Amino acid sequence: YRNTKLLQVCDKGQPDEYVVGGDYESNDGE
């Protein structure tokens, strides 16, 4: 996971808000 980036915030401002990360392959969520 080193040098990967966080990809997006989902449901921002909502009670089920969360962040997504971990694309060690292409670093774009694909």
mmCIF file of all heavy atoms, coordinates in Angstrom:
data_MODEL
# 
_entry.id   MODEL 
# 
loop_
_atom_site.group_PDB 
_atom_site.id 
_atom_site.type_symbol 
_atom_site.label_atom_id 
_atom_site.label_alt_id 
_atom_site.label_comp_id 
_atom_site.label_asym_id 
_atom_site.label_entity_id 
_atom_site.label_seq_id 
_atom_site.pdbx_PDB_ins_code 
_atom_site.Cartn_x 
_atom_site.Cartn_y 
_atom_site.Cartn_z 
_atom_site.occupancy 
_atom_site.B_iso_or_equiv 
_atom_site.pdbx_formal_charge 
_atom_site.auth_seq_id 
_atom_site.auth_comp_id 
_atom_site.auth_asym_id 
_atom_site.auth_atom_id 
_atom_site.pdbx_PDB_model_num 
ATOM 1   N N   . TYR A 1 1  ? 0.821   -1.217 0.000   1.00 0.00 ? 1  TYR A N   1 
ATOM 2   C CA  . TYR A 1 1  ? 0.000   0.000  0.000   1.00 0.00 ? 1  TYR A CA  1 
ATOM 3   C C   . TYR A 1 1  ? 0.854   1.265  0.000   1.00 0.00 ? 1  TYR A C   1 
ATOM 4   O O   . TYR A 1 1  ? 0.318   2.364  -0.173  1.00 0.00 ? 1  TYR A O   1 
ATOM 5   C CB  . TYR A 1 1  ? -0.901  0.016  1.237   1.00 0.00 ? 1  TYR A CB  1 
ATOM 6   C CG  . TYR A 1 1  ? -2.075  -0.931 1.176   1.00 0.00 ? 1  TYR A CG  1 
ATOM 7   C CD1 . TYR A 1 1  ? -2.424  -1.688 2.292   1.00 0.00 ? 1  TYR A CD1 1 
ATOM 8   C CD2 . TYR A 1 1  ? -2.847  -1.060 0.030   1.00 0.00 ? 1  TYR A CD2 1 
ATOM 9   C CE1 . TYR A 1 1  ? -3.517  -2.550 2.260   1.00 0.00 ? 1  TYR A CE1 1 
ATOM 10  C CE2 . TYR A 1 1  ? -3.926  -1.916 -0.020  1.00 0.00 ? 1  TYR A CE2 1 
ATOM 11  C CZ  . TYR A 1 1  ? -4.257  -2.660 1.097   1.00 0.00 ? 1  TYR A CZ  1 
ATOM 12  O OH  . TYR A 1 1  ? -5.338  -3.512 1.062   1.00 0.00 ? 1  TYR A OH  1 
ATOM 13  N N   . ARG A 1 2  ? 2.146   1.138  0.205   1.00 0.00 ? 2  ARG A N   1 
ATOM 14  C CA  . ARG A 1 2  ? 3.025   2.316  0.223   1.00 0.00 ? 2  ARG A CA  1 
ATOM 15  C C   . ARG A 1 2  ? 2.931   3.062  -1.105  1.00 0.00 ? 2  ARG A C   1 
ATOM 16  O O   . ARG A 1 2  ? 2.987   2.475  -2.177  1.00 0.00 ? 2  ARG A O   1 
ATOM 17  C CB  . ARG A 1 2  ? 4.465   1.890  0.496   1.00 0.00 ? 2  ARG A CB  1 
ATOM 18  C CG  . ARG A 1 2  ? 5.446   3.047  0.673   1.00 0.00 ? 2  ARG A CG  1 
ATOM 19  C CD  . ARG A 1 2  ? 6.810   2.495  1.044   1.00 0.00 ? 2  ARG A CD  1 
ATOM 20  N NE  . ARG A 1 2  ? 7.774   3.542  1.326   1.00 0.00 ? 2  ARG A NE  1 
ATOM 21  C CZ  . ARG A 1 2  ? 8.586   4.077  0.415   1.00 0.00 ? 2  ARG A CZ  1 
ATOM 22  N NH1 . ARG A 1 2  ? 8.554   3.629  -0.841  1.00 0.00 ? 2  ARG A NH1 1 
ATOM 23  N NH2 . ARG A 1 2  ? 9.433   5.022  0.748   1.00 0.00 ? 2  ARG A NH2 1 
ATOM 24  N N   . ASN A 1 3  ? 2.778   4.379  -1.022  1.00 0.00 ? 3  ASN A N   1 
ATOM 25  C CA  . ASN A 1 3  ? 2.673   5.280  -2.175  1.00 0.00 ? 3  ASN A CA  1 
ATOM 26  C C   . ASN A 1 3  ? 1.373   5.121  -2.957  1.00 0.00 ? 3  ASN A C   1 
ATOM 27  O O   . ASN A 1 3  ? 1.276   5.594  -4.091  1.00 0.00 ? 3  ASN A O   1 
ATOM 28  C CB  . ASN A 1 3  ? 3.873   5.133  -3.116  1.00 0.00 ? 3  ASN A CB  1 
ATOM 29  C CG  . ASN A 1 3  ? 5.153   5.693  -2.505  1.00 0.00 ? 3  ASN A CG  1 
ATOM 30  O OD1 . ASN A 1 3  ? 5.104   6.594  -1.675  1.00 0.00 ? 3  ASN A OD1 1 
ATOM 31  N ND2 . ASN A 1 3  ? 6.284   5.151  -2.900  1.00 0.00 ? 3  ASN A ND2 1 
ATOM 32  N N   . THR A 1 4  ? 0.385   4.447  -2.379  1.00 0.00 ? 4  THR A N   1 
ATOM 33  C CA  . THR A 1 4  ? -0.946  4.483  -2.987  1.00 0.00 ? 4  THR A CA  1 
ATOM 34  C C   . THR A 1 4  ? -1.692  5.690  -2.436  1.00 0.00 ? 4  THR A C   1 
ATOM 35  O O   . THR A 1 4  ? -1.329  6.257  -1.404  1.00 0.00 ? 4  THR A O   1 
ATOM 36  C CB  . THR A 1 4  ? -1.745  3.205  -2.677  1.00 0.00 ? 4  THR A CB  1 
ATOM 37  O OG1 . THR A 1 4  ? -1.925  3.083  -1.254  1.00 0.00 ? 4  THR A OG1 1 
ATOM 38  C CG2 . THR A 1 4  ? -1.023  1.976  -3.201  1.00 0.00 ? 4  THR A CG2 1 
ATOM 39  N N   . LYS A 1 5  ? -2.746  6.084  -3.115  1.00 0.00 ? 5  LYS A N   1 
ATOM 40  C CA  . LYS A 1 5  ? -3.500  7.259  -2.672  1.00 0.00 ? 5  LYS A CA  1 
ATOM 41  C C   . LYS A 1 5  ? -4.916  6.862  -2.282  1.00 0.00 ? 5  LYS A C   1 
ATOM 42  O O   . LYS A 1 5  ? -5.427  5.808  -2.685  1.00 0.00 ? 5  LYS A O   1 
ATOM 43  C CB  . LYS A 1 5  ? -3.522  8.311  -3.768  1.00 0.00 ? 5  LYS A CB  1 
ATOM 44  C CG  . LYS A 1 5  ? -4.199  7.865  -5.062  1.00 0.00 ? 5  LYS A CG  1 
ATOM 45  C CD  . LYS A 1 5  ? -4.044  8.932  -6.138  1.00 0.00 ? 5  LYS A CD  1 
ATOM 46  C CE  . LYS A 1 5  ? -4.729  8.520  -7.444  1.00 0.00 ? 5  LYS A CE  1 
ATOM 47  N NZ  . LYS A 1 5  ? -4.552  9.534  -8.507  1.00 0.00 ? 5  LYS A NZ  1 
ATOM 48  N N   . LEU A 1 6  ? -5.530  7.707  -1.488  1.00 0.00 ? 6  LEU A N   1 
ATOM 49  C CA  . LEU A 1 6  ? -6.948  7.525  -1.230  1.00 0.00 ? 6  LEU A CA  1 
ATOM 50  C C   . LEU A 1 6  ? -7.704  7.921  -2.485  1.00 0.00 ? 6  LEU A C   1 
ATOM 51  O O   . LEU A 1 6  ? -7.315  8.844  -3.209  1.00 0.00 ? 6  LEU A O   1 
ATOM 52  C CB  . LEU A 1 6  ? -7.392  8.358  -0.029  1.00 0.00 ? 6  LEU A CB  1 
ATOM 53  C CG  . LEU A 1 6  ? -6.734  7.989  1.311   1.00 0.00 ? 6  LEU A CG  1 
ATOM 54  C CD1 . LEU A 1 6  ? -7.408  8.733  2.461   1.00 0.00 ? 6  LEU A CD1 1 
ATOM 55  C CD2 . LEU A 1 6  ? -6.757  6.495  1.569   1.00 0.00 ? 6  LEU A CD2 1 
ATOM 56  N N   . LEU A 1 7  ? -8.788  7.231  -2.746  1.00 0.00 ? 7  LEU A N   1 
ATOM 57  C CA  . LEU A 1 7  ? -9.423  7.319  -4.059  1.00 0.00 ? 7  LEU A CA  1 
ATOM 58  C C   . LEU A 1 7  ? -10.677 8.191  -4.071  1.00 0.00 ? 7  LEU A C   1 
ATOM 59  O O   . LEU A 1 7  ? -10.922 8.903  -5.032  1.00 0.00 ? 7  LEU A O   1 
ATOM 60  C CB  . LEU A 1 7  ? -9.770  5.907  -4.551  1.00 0.00 ? 7  LEU A CB  1 
ATOM 61  C CG  . LEU A 1 7  ? -8.556  4.968  -4.680  1.00 0.00 ? 7  LEU A CG  1 
ATOM 62  C CD1 . LEU A 1 7  ? -9.003  3.528  -4.813  1.00 0.00 ? 7  LEU A CD1 1 
ATOM 63  C CD2 . LEU A 1 7  ? -7.691  5.388  -5.857  1.00 0.00 ? 7  LEU A CD2 1 
ATOM 64  N N   . GLN A 1 8  ? -11.480 8.106  -3.016  1.00 0.00 ? 8  GLN A N   1 
ATOM 65  C CA  . GLN A 1 8  ? -12.693 8.906  -2.994  1.00 0.00 ? 8  GLN A CA  1 
ATOM 66  C C   . GLN A 1 8  ? -13.330 8.905  -1.616  1.00 0.00 ? 8  GLN A C   1 
ATOM 67  O O   . GLN A 1 8  ? -12.999 8.083  -0.763  1.00 0.00 ? 8  GLN A O   1 
ATOM 68  C CB  . GLN A 1 8  ? -13.709 8.376  -4.013  1.00 0.00 ? 8  GLN A CB  1 
ATOM 69  C CG  . GLN A 1 8  ? -14.233 6.979  -3.716  1.00 0.00 ? 8  GLN A CG  1 
ATOM 70  C CD  . GLN A 1 8  ? -15.208 6.496  -4.761  1.00 0.00 ? 8  GLN A CD  1 
ATOM 71  O OE1 . GLN A 1 8  ? -14.963 5.499  -5.429  1.00 0.00 ? 8  GLN A OE1 1 
ATOM 72  N NE2 . GLN A 1 8  ? -16.330 7.178  -4.913  1.00 0.00 ? 8  GLN A NE2 1 
ATOM 73  N N   . VAL A 1 9  ? -14.207 9.886  -1.421  1.00 0.00 ? 9  VAL A N   1 
ATOM 74  C CA  . VAL A 1 9  ? -15.076 9.935  -0.243  1.00 0.00 ? 9  VAL A CA  1 
ATOM 75  C C   . VAL A 1 9  ? -16.471 9.560  -0.717  1.00 0.00 ? 9  VAL A C   1 
ATOM 76  O O   . VAL A 1 9  ? -16.990 10.142 -1.667  1.00 0.00 ? 9  VAL A O   1 
ATOM 77  C CB  . VAL A 1 9  ? -15.112 11.345 0.381   1.00 0.00 ? 9  VAL A CB  1 
ATOM 78  C CG1 . VAL A 1 9  ? -15.989 11.336 1.637   1.00 0.00 ? 9  VAL A CG1 1 
ATOM 79  C CG2 . VAL A 1 9  ? -13.710 11.829 0.699   1.00 0.00 ? 9  VAL A CG2 1 
ATOM 80  N N   . CYS A 1 10 ? -17.056 8.618  -0.057  1.00 0.00 ? 10 CYS A N   1 
ATOM 81  C CA  . CYS A 1 10 ? -18.412 8.194  -0.420  1.00 0.00 ? 10 CYS A CA  1 
ATOM 82  C C   . CYS A 1 10 ? -19.403 8.694  0.621   1.00 0.00 ? 10 CYS A C   1 
ATOM 83  O O   . CYS A 1 10 ? -19.128 8.677  1.821   1.00 0.00 ? 10 CYS A O   1 
ATOM 84  C CB  . CYS A 1 10 ? -18.487 6.672  -0.531  1.00 0.00 ? 10 CYS A CB  1 
ATOM 85  S SG  . CYS A 1 10 ? -17.458 5.998  -1.848  1.00 0.00 ? 10 CYS A SG  1 
ATOM 86  N N   . ASP A 1 11 ? -20.570 9.155  0.136   1.00 0.00 ? 11 ASP A N   1 
ATOM 87  C CA  . ASP A 1 11 ? -21.641 9.654  1.005   1.00 0.00 ? 11 ASP A CA  1 
ATOM 88  C C   . ASP A 1 11 ? -21.132 10.725 1.953   1.00 0.00 ? 11 ASP A C   1 
ATOM 89  O O   . ASP A 1 11 ? -21.422 10.717 3.157   1.00 0.00 ? 11 ASP A O   1 
ATOM 90  C CB  . ASP A 1 11 ? -22.279 8.510  1.788   1.00 0.00 ? 11 ASP A CB  1 
ATOM 91  C CG  . ASP A 1 11 ? -22.935 7.485  0.874   1.00 0.00 ? 11 ASP A CG  1 
ATOM 92  O OD1 . ASP A 1 11 ? -23.446 7.885  -0.191  1.00 0.00 ? 11 ASP A OD1 1 
ATOM 93  O OD2 . ASP A 1 11 ? -22.929 6.294  1.205   1.00 0.00 ? 11 ASP A OD2 1 
ATOM 94  N N   . LYS A 1 12 ? -20.395 11.682 1.401   1.00 0.00 ? 12 LYS A N   1 
ATOM 95  C CA  . LYS A 1 12 ? -19.806 12.743 2.227   1.00 0.00 ? 12 LYS A CA  1 
ATOM 96  C C   . LYS A 1 12 ? -20.885 13.505 2.981   1.00 0.00 ? 12 LYS A C   1 
ATOM 97  O O   . LYS A 1 12 ? -21.899 13.911 2.419   1.00 0.00 ? 12 LYS A O   1 
ATOM 98  C CB  . LYS A 1 12 ? -19.008 13.707 1.346   1.00 0.00 ? 12 LYS A CB  1 
ATOM 99  C CG  . LYS A 1 12 ? -18.250 14.775 2.137   1.00 0.00 ? 12 LYS A CG  1 
ATOM 100 C CD  . LYS A 1 12 ? -17.338 15.577 1.234   1.00 0.00 ? 12 LYS A CD  1 
ATOM 101 C CE  . LYS A 1 12 ? -16.548 16.607 2.035   1.00 0.00 ? 12 LYS A CE  1 
ATOM 102 N NZ  . LYS A 1 12 ? -15.602 17.366 1.170   1.00 0.00 ? 12 LYS A NZ  1 
ATOM 103 N N   . GLY A 1 13 ? -20.664 13.666 4.269   1.00 0.00 ? 13 GLY A N   1 
ATOM 104 C CA  . GLY A 1 13 ? -21.599 14.382 5.107   1.00 0.00 ? 13 GLY A CA  1 
ATOM 105 C C   . GLY A 1 13 ? -22.766 13.553 5.608   1.00 0.00 ? 13 GLY A C   1 
ATOM 106 O O   . GLY A 1 13 ? -23.560 14.038 6.417   1.00 0.00 ? 13 GLY A O   1 
ATOM 107 N N   . GLN A 1 14 ? -22.860 12.306 5.156   1.00 0.00 ? 14 GLN A N   1 
ATOM 108 C CA  . GLN A 1 14 ? -23.956 11.432 5.555   1.00 0.00 ? 14 GLN A CA  1 
ATOM 109 C C   . GLN A 1 14 ? -23.515 10.499 6.683   1.00 0.00 ? 14 GLN A C   1 
ATOM 110 O O   . GLN A 1 14 ? -22.322 10.295 6.910   1.00 0.00 ? 14 GLN A O   1 
ATOM 111 C CB  . GLN A 1 14 ? -24.427 10.606 4.358   1.00 0.00 ? 14 GLN A CB  1 
ATOM 112 C CG  . GLN A 1 14 ? -24.894 11.445 3.173   1.00 0.00 ? 14 GLN A CG  1 
ATOM 113 C CD  . GLN A 1 14 ? -26.044 12.370 3.545   1.00 0.00 ? 14 GLN A CD  1 
ATOM 114 O OE1 . GLN A 1 14 ? -27.034 11.943 4.159   1.00 0.00 ? 14 GLN A OE1 1 
ATOM 115 N NE2 . GLN A 1 14 ? -25.918 13.640 3.186   1.00 0.00 ? 14 GLN A NE2 1 
ATOM 116 N N   . PRO A 1 15 ? -24.455 9.896  7.399   1.00 0.00 ? 15 PRO A N   1 
ATOM 117 C CA  . PRO A 1 15 ? -24.082 9.000  8.504   1.00 0.00 ? 15 PRO A CA  1 
ATOM 118 C C   . PRO A 1 15 ? -23.256 7.787  8.084   1.00 0.00 ? 15 PRO A C   1 
ATOM 119 O O   . PRO A 1 15 ? -22.564 7.204  8.919   1.00 0.00 ? 15 PRO A O   1 
ATOM 120 C CB  . PRO A 1 15 ? -25.441 8.569  9.075   1.00 0.00 ? 15 PRO A CB  1 
ATOM 121 C CG  . PRO A 1 15 ? -26.374 9.670  8.695   1.00 0.00 ? 15 PRO A CG  1 
ATOM 122 C CD  . PRO A 1 15 ? -25.909 10.147 7.358   1.00 0.00 ? 15 PRO A CD  1 
ATOM 123 N N   . ASP A 1 16 ? -23.325 7.406  6.814   1.00 0.00 ? 16 ASP A N   1 
ATOM 124 C CA  . ASP A 1 16 ? -22.542 6.250  6.364   1.00 0.00 ? 16 ASP A CA  1 
ATOM 125 C C   . ASP A 1 16 ? -21.317 6.672  5.557   1.00 0.00 ? 16 ASP A C   1 
ATOM 126 O O   . ASP A 1 16 ? -20.847 5.931  4.694   1.00 0.00 ? 16 ASP A O   1 
ATOM 127 C CB  . ASP A 1 16 ? -23.414 5.301  5.546   1.00 0.00 ? 16 ASP A CB  1 
ATOM 128 C CG  . ASP A 1 16 ? -24.051 5.981  4.350   1.00 0.00 ? 16 ASP A CG  1 
ATOM 129 O OD1 . ASP A 1 16 ? -24.072 7.238  4.307   1.00 0.00 ? 16 ASP A OD1 1 
ATOM 130 O OD2 . ASP A 1 16 ? -24.528 5.265  3.453   1.00 0.00 ? 16 ASP A OD2 1 
ATOM 131 N N   . GLU A 1 17 ? -20.772 7.837  5.868   1.00 0.00 ? 17 GLU A N   1 
ATOM 132 C CA  . GLU A 1 17 ? -19.598 8.359  5.161   1.00 0.00 ? 17 GLU A CA  1 
ATOM 133 C C   . GLU A 1 17 ? -18.387 7.438  5.349   1.00 0.00 ? 17 GLU A C   1 
ATOM 134 O O   . GLU A 1 17 ? -18.151 6.908  6.426   1.00 0.00 ? 17 GLU A O   1 
ATOM 135 C CB  . GLU A 1 17 ? -19.294 9.751  5.721   1.00 0.00 ? 17 GLU A CB  1 
ATOM 136 C CG  . GLU A 1 17 ? -18.053 10.426 5.153   1.00 0.00 ? 17 GLU A CG  1 
ATOM 137 C CD  . GLU A 1 17 ? -17.816 11.749 5.867   1.00 0.00 ? 17 GLU A CD  1 
ATOM 138 O OE1 . GLU A 1 17 ? -17.124 11.734 6.933   1.00 0.00 ? 17 GLU A OE1 1 
ATOM 139 O OE2 . GLU A 1 17 ? -18.314 12.775 5.401   1.00 0.00 ? 17 GLU A OE2 1 
ATOM 140 N N   . TYR A 1 18 ? -17.611 7.271  4.281   1.00 0.00 ? 18 TYR A N   1 
ATOM 141 C CA  . TYR A 1 18 ? -16.381 6.476  4.368   1.00 0.00 ? 18 TYR A CA  1 
ATOM 142 C C   . TYR A 1 18 ? -15.428 6.881  3.260   1.00 0.00 ? 18 TYR A C   1 
ATOM 143 O O   . TYR A 1 18 ? -15.834 7.523  2.269   1.00 0.00 ? 18 TYR A O   1 
ATOM 144 C CB  . TYR A 1 18 ? -16.679 4.973  4.283   1.00 0.00 ? 18 TYR A CB  1 
ATOM 145 C CG  . TYR A 1 18 ? -17.394 4.519  3.038   1.00 0.00 ? 18 TYR A CG  1 
ATOM 146 C CD1 . TYR A 1 18 ? -16.688 4.105  1.905   1.00 0.00 ? 18 TYR A CD1 1 
ATOM 147 C CD2 . TYR A 1 18 ? -18.796 4.481  2.983   1.00 0.00 ? 18 TYR A CD2 1 
ATOM 148 C CE1 . TYR A 1 18 ? -17.341 3.668  0.768   1.00 0.00 ? 18 TYR A CE1 1 
ATOM 149 C CE2 . TYR A 1 18 ? -19.457 4.050  1.852   1.00 0.00 ? 18 TYR A CE2 1 
ATOM 150 C CZ  . TYR A 1 18 ? -18.728 3.645  0.746   1.00 0.00 ? 18 TYR A CZ  1 
ATOM 151 O OH  . TYR A 1 18 ? -19.397 3.218  -0.389  1.00 0.00 ? 18 TYR A OH  1 
ATOM 152 N N   . VAL A 1 19 ? -14.151 6.539  3.439   1.00 0.00 ? 19 VAL A N   1 
ATOM 153 C CA  . VAL A 1 19 ? -13.148 6.808  2.413   1.00 0.00 ? 19 VAL A CA  1 
ATOM 154 C C   . VAL A 1 19 ? -12.677 5.468  1.847   1.00 0.00 ? 19 VAL A C   1 
ATOM 155 O O   . VAL A 1 19 ? -12.780 4.425  2.496   1.00 0.00 ? 19 VAL A O   1 
ATOM 156 C CB  . VAL A 1 19 ? -11.945 7.600  2.975   1.00 0.00 ? 19 VAL A CB  1 
ATOM 157 C CG1 . VAL A 1 19 ? -12.405 8.921  3.558   1.00 0.00 ? 19 VAL A CG1 1 
ATOM 158 C CG2 . VAL A 1 19 ? -11.179 6.796  4.023   1.00 0.00 ? 19 VAL A CG2 1 
ATOM 159 N N   . VAL A 1 20 ? -12.164 5.524  0.625   1.00 0.00 ? 20 VAL A N   1 
ATOM 160 C CA  . VAL A 1 20 ? -11.733 4.321  -0.102  1.00 0.00 ? 20 VAL A CA  1 
ATOM 161 C C   . VAL A 1 20 ? -10.252 4.454  -0.440  1.00 0.00 ? 20 VAL A C   1 
ATOM 162 O O   . VAL A 1 20 ? -9.786  5.527  -0.835  1.00 0.00 ? 20 VAL A O   1 
ATOM 163 C CB  . VAL A 1 20 ? -12.531 4.137  -1.406  1.00 0.00 ? 20 VAL A CB  1 
ATOM 164 C CG1 . VAL A 1 20 ? -12.143 2.830  -2.091  1.00 0.00 ? 20 VAL A CG1 1 
ATOM 165 C CG2 . VAL A 1 20 ? -14.022 4.194  -1.137  1.00 0.00 ? 20 VAL A CG2 1 
ATOM 166 N N   . GLY A 1 21 ? -9.504  3.364  -0.289  1.00 0.00 ? 21 GLY A N   1 
ATOM 167 C CA  . GLY A 1 21 ? -8.098  3.346  -0.680  1.00 0.00 ? 21 GLY A CA  1 
ATOM 168 C C   . GLY A 1 21 ? -7.651  1.939  -1.012  1.00 0.00 ? 21 GLY A C   1 
ATOM 169 O O   . GLY A 1 21 ? -8.436  0.989  -0.975  1.00 0.00 ? 21 GLY A O   1 
ATOM 170 N N   . GLY A 1 22 ? -6.354  1.813  -1.348  1.00 0.00 ? 22 GLY A N   1 
ATOM 171 C CA  . GLY A 1 22 ? -5.774  0.483  -1.475  1.00 0.00 ? 22 GLY A CA  1 
ATOM 172 C C   . GLY A 1 22 ? -5.529  -0.047 -2.871  1.00 0.00 ? 22 GLY A C   1 
ATOM 173 O O   . GLY A 1 22 ? -5.245  -1.237 -3.023  1.00 0.00 ? 22 GLY A O   1 
ATOM 174 N N   . ASP A 1 23 ? -5.590  0.800  -3.915  1.00 0.00 ? 23 ASP A N   1 
ATOM 175 C CA  . ASP A 1 23 ? -5.337  0.292  -5.264  1.00 0.00 ? 23 ASP A CA  1 
ATOM 176 C C   . ASP A 1 23 ? -3.827  0.248  -5.505  1.00 0.00 ? 23 ASP A C   1 
ATOM 177 O O   . ASP A 1 23 ? -3.221  1.191  -6.004  1.00 0.00 ? 23 ASP A O   1 
ATOM 178 C CB  . ASP A 1 23 ? -6.019  1.179  -6.311  1.00 0.00 ? 23 ASP A CB  1 
ATOM 179 C CG  . ASP A 1 23 ? -5.879  0.619  -7.723  1.00 0.00 ? 23 ASP A CG  1 
ATOM 180 O OD1 . ASP A 1 23 ? -5.154  -0.374 -7.905  1.00 0.00 ? 23 ASP A OD1 1 
ATOM 181 O OD2 . ASP A 1 23 ? -6.485  1.192  -8.652  1.00 0.00 ? 23 ASP A OD2 1 
ATOM 182 N N   . TYR A 1 24 ? -3.212  -0.880 -5.150  1.00 0.00 ? 24 TYR A N   1 
ATOM 183 C CA  . TYR A 1 24 ? -1.767  -1.036 -5.288  1.00 0.00 ? 24 TYR A CA  1 
ATOM 184 C C   . TYR A 1 24 ? -1.360  -1.285 -6.744  1.00 0.00 ? 24 TYR A C   1 
ATOM 185 O O   . TYR A 1 24 ? -0.157  -1.221 -7.067  1.00 0.00 ? 24 TYR A O   1 
ATOM 186 C CB  . TYR A 1 24 ? -1.282  -2.197 -4.411  1.00 0.00 ? 24 TYR A CB  1 
ATOM 187 C CG  . TYR A 1 24 ? -1.782  -3.550 -4.878  1.00 0.00 ? 24 TYR A CG  1 
ATOM 188 C CD1 . TYR A 1 24 ? -1.071  -4.284 -5.822  1.00 0.00 ? 24 TYR A CD1 1 
ATOM 189 C CD2 . TYR A 1 24 ? -2.975  -4.085 -4.392  1.00 0.00 ? 24 TYR A CD2 1 
ATOM 190 C CE1 . TYR A 1 24 ? -1.533  -5.523 -6.267  1.00 0.00 ? 24 TYR A CE1 1 
ATOM 191 C CE2 . TYR A 1 24 ? -3.430  -5.317 -4.818  1.00 0.00 ? 24 TYR A CE2 1 
ATOM 192 C CZ  . TYR A 1 24 ? -2.707  -6.026 -5.747  1.00 0.00 ? 24 TYR A CZ  1 
ATOM 193 O OH  . TYR A 1 24 ? -3.180  -7.236 -6.199  1.00 0.00 ? 24 TYR A OH  1 
ATOM 194 N N   . GLU A 1 25 ? -2.324  -1.557 -7.620  1.00 0.00 ? 25 GLU A N   1 
ATOM 195 C CA  . GLU A 1 25 ? -2.002  -1.880 -9.017  1.00 0.00 ? 25 GLU A CA  1 
ATOM 196 C C   . GLU A 1 25 ? -1.966  -0.637 -9.912  1.00 0.00 ? 25 GLU A C   1 
ATOM 197 O O   . GLU A 1 25 ? -0.940  -0.330 -10.511 1.00 0.00 ? 25 GLU A O   1 
ATOM 198 C CB  . GLU A 1 25 ? -3.024  -2.870 -9.573  1.00 0.00 ? 25 GLU A CB  1 
ATOM 199 C CG  . GLU A 1 25 ? -2.924  -4.255 -8.964  1.00 0.00 ? 25 GLU A CG  1 
ATOM 200 C CD  . GLU A 1 25 ? -3.897  -5.216 -9.612  1.00 0.00 ? 25 GLU A CD  1 
ATOM 201 O OE1 . GLU A 1 25 ? -5.117  -4.980 -9.555  1.00 0.00 ? 25 GLU A OE1 1 
ATOM 202 O OE2 . GLU A 1 25 ? -3.425  -6.223 -10.184 1.00 0.00 ? 25 GLU A OE2 1 
ATOM 203 N N   . SER A 1 26 ? -3.083  0.069  -10.013 1.00 0.00 ? 26 SER A N   1 
ATOM 204 C CA  . SER A 1 26 ? -3.145  1.199  -10.946 1.00 0.00 ? 26 SER A CA  1 
ATOM 205 C C   . SER A 1 26 ? -3.346  2.544  -10.248 1.00 0.00 ? 26 SER A C   1 
ATOM 206 O O   . SER A 1 26 ? -3.267  3.588  -10.900 1.00 0.00 ? 26 SER A O   1 
ATOM 207 C CB  . SER A 1 26 ? -4.279  0.981  -11.956 1.00 0.00 ? 26 SER A CB  1 
ATOM 208 O OG  . SER A 1 26 ? -5.514  0.780  -11.286 1.00 0.00 ? 26 SER A OG  1 
ATOM 209 N N   . ASN A 1 27 ? -3.618  2.531  -8.949  1.00 0.00 ? 27 ASN A N   1 
ATOM 210 C CA  . ASN A 1 27 ? -3.731  3.750  -8.144  1.00 0.00 ? 27 ASN A CA  1 
ATOM 211 C C   . ASN A 1 27 ? -4.843  4.690  -8.626  1.00 0.00 ? 27 ASN A C   1 
ATOM 212 O O   . ASN A 1 27 ? -4.787  5.891  -8.410  1.00 0.00 ? 27 ASN A O   1 
ATOM 213 C CB  . ASN A 1 27 ? -2.400  4.509  -8.113  1.00 0.00 ? 27 ASN A CB  1 
ATOM 214 C CG  . ASN A 1 27 ? -2.088  5.070  -6.730  1.00 0.00 ? 27 ASN A CG  1 
ATOM 215 O OD1 . ASN A 1 27 ? -2.803  4.820  -5.765  1.00 0.00 ? 27 ASN A OD1 1 
ATOM 216 N ND2 . ASN A 1 27 ? -1.027  5.844  -6.643  1.00 0.00 ? 27 ASN A ND2 1 
ATOM 217 N N   . ASP A 1 28 ? -5.855  4.114  -9.293  1.00 0.00 ? 28 ASP A N   1 
ATOM 218 C CA  . ASP A 1 28 ? -6.960  4.951  -9.760  1.00 0.00 ? 28 ASP A CA  1 
ATOM 219 C C   . ASP A 1 28 ? -8.325  4.349  -9.427  1.00 0.00 ? 28 ASP A C   1 
ATOM 220 O O   . ASP A 1 28 ? -9.357  4.862  -9.865  1.00 0.00 ? 28 ASP A O   1 
ATOM 221 C CB  . ASP A 1 28 ? -6.854  5.190  -11.267 1.00 0.00 ? 28 ASP A CB  1 
ATOM 222 C CG  . ASP A 1 28 ? -6.870  3.890  -12.076 1.00 0.00 ? 28 ASP A CG  1 
ATOM 223 O OD1 . ASP A 1 28 ? -7.089  2.801  -11.479 1.00 0.00 ? 28 ASP A OD1 1 
ATOM 224 O OD2 . ASP A 1 28 ? -6.649  3.948  -13.302 1.00 0.00 ? 28 ASP A OD2 1 
ATOM 225 N N   . GLY A 1 29 ? -8.327  3.255  -8.688  1.00 0.00 ? 29 GLY A N   1 
ATOM 226 C CA  . GLY A 1 29 ? -9.588  2.618  -8.320  1.00 0.00 ? 29 GLY A CA  1 
ATOM 227 C C   . GLY A 1 29 ? -10.006 1.495  -9.233  1.00 0.00 ? 29 GLY A C   1 
ATOM 228 O O   . GLY A 1 29 ? -10.970 0.779  -8.931  1.00 0.00 ? 29 GLY A O   1 
ATOM 229 N N   . GLU A 1 30 ? -9.285  1.306  -10.328 1.00 0.00 ? 30 GLU A N   1 
ATOM 230 C CA  . GLU A 1 30 ? -9.628  0.241  -11.260 1.00 0.00 ? 30 GLU A CA  1 
ATOM 231 C C   . GLU A 1 30 ? -8.927  -1.063 -10.916 1.00 0.00 ? 30 GLU A C   1 
ATOM 232 O O   . GLU A 1 30 ? -9.310  -2.129 -11.390 1.00 0.00 ? 30 GLU A O   1 
ATOM 233 C CB  . GLU A 1 30 ? -9.260  0.661  -12.696 1.00 0.00 ? 30 GLU A CB  1 
ATOM 234 C CG  . GLU A 1 30 ? -10.051 1.851  -13.210 1.00 0.00 ? 30 GLU A CG  1 
ATOM 235 C CD  . GLU A 1 30 ? -11.547 1.581  -13.235 1.00 0.00 ? 30 GLU A CD  1 
ATOM 236 O OE1 . GLU A 1 30 ? -11.952 0.481  -13.668 1.00 0.00 ? 30 GLU A OE1 1 
ATOM 237 O OE2 . GLU A 1 30 ? -12.315 2.469  -12.816 1.00 0.00 ? 30 GLU A OE2 1 
# 
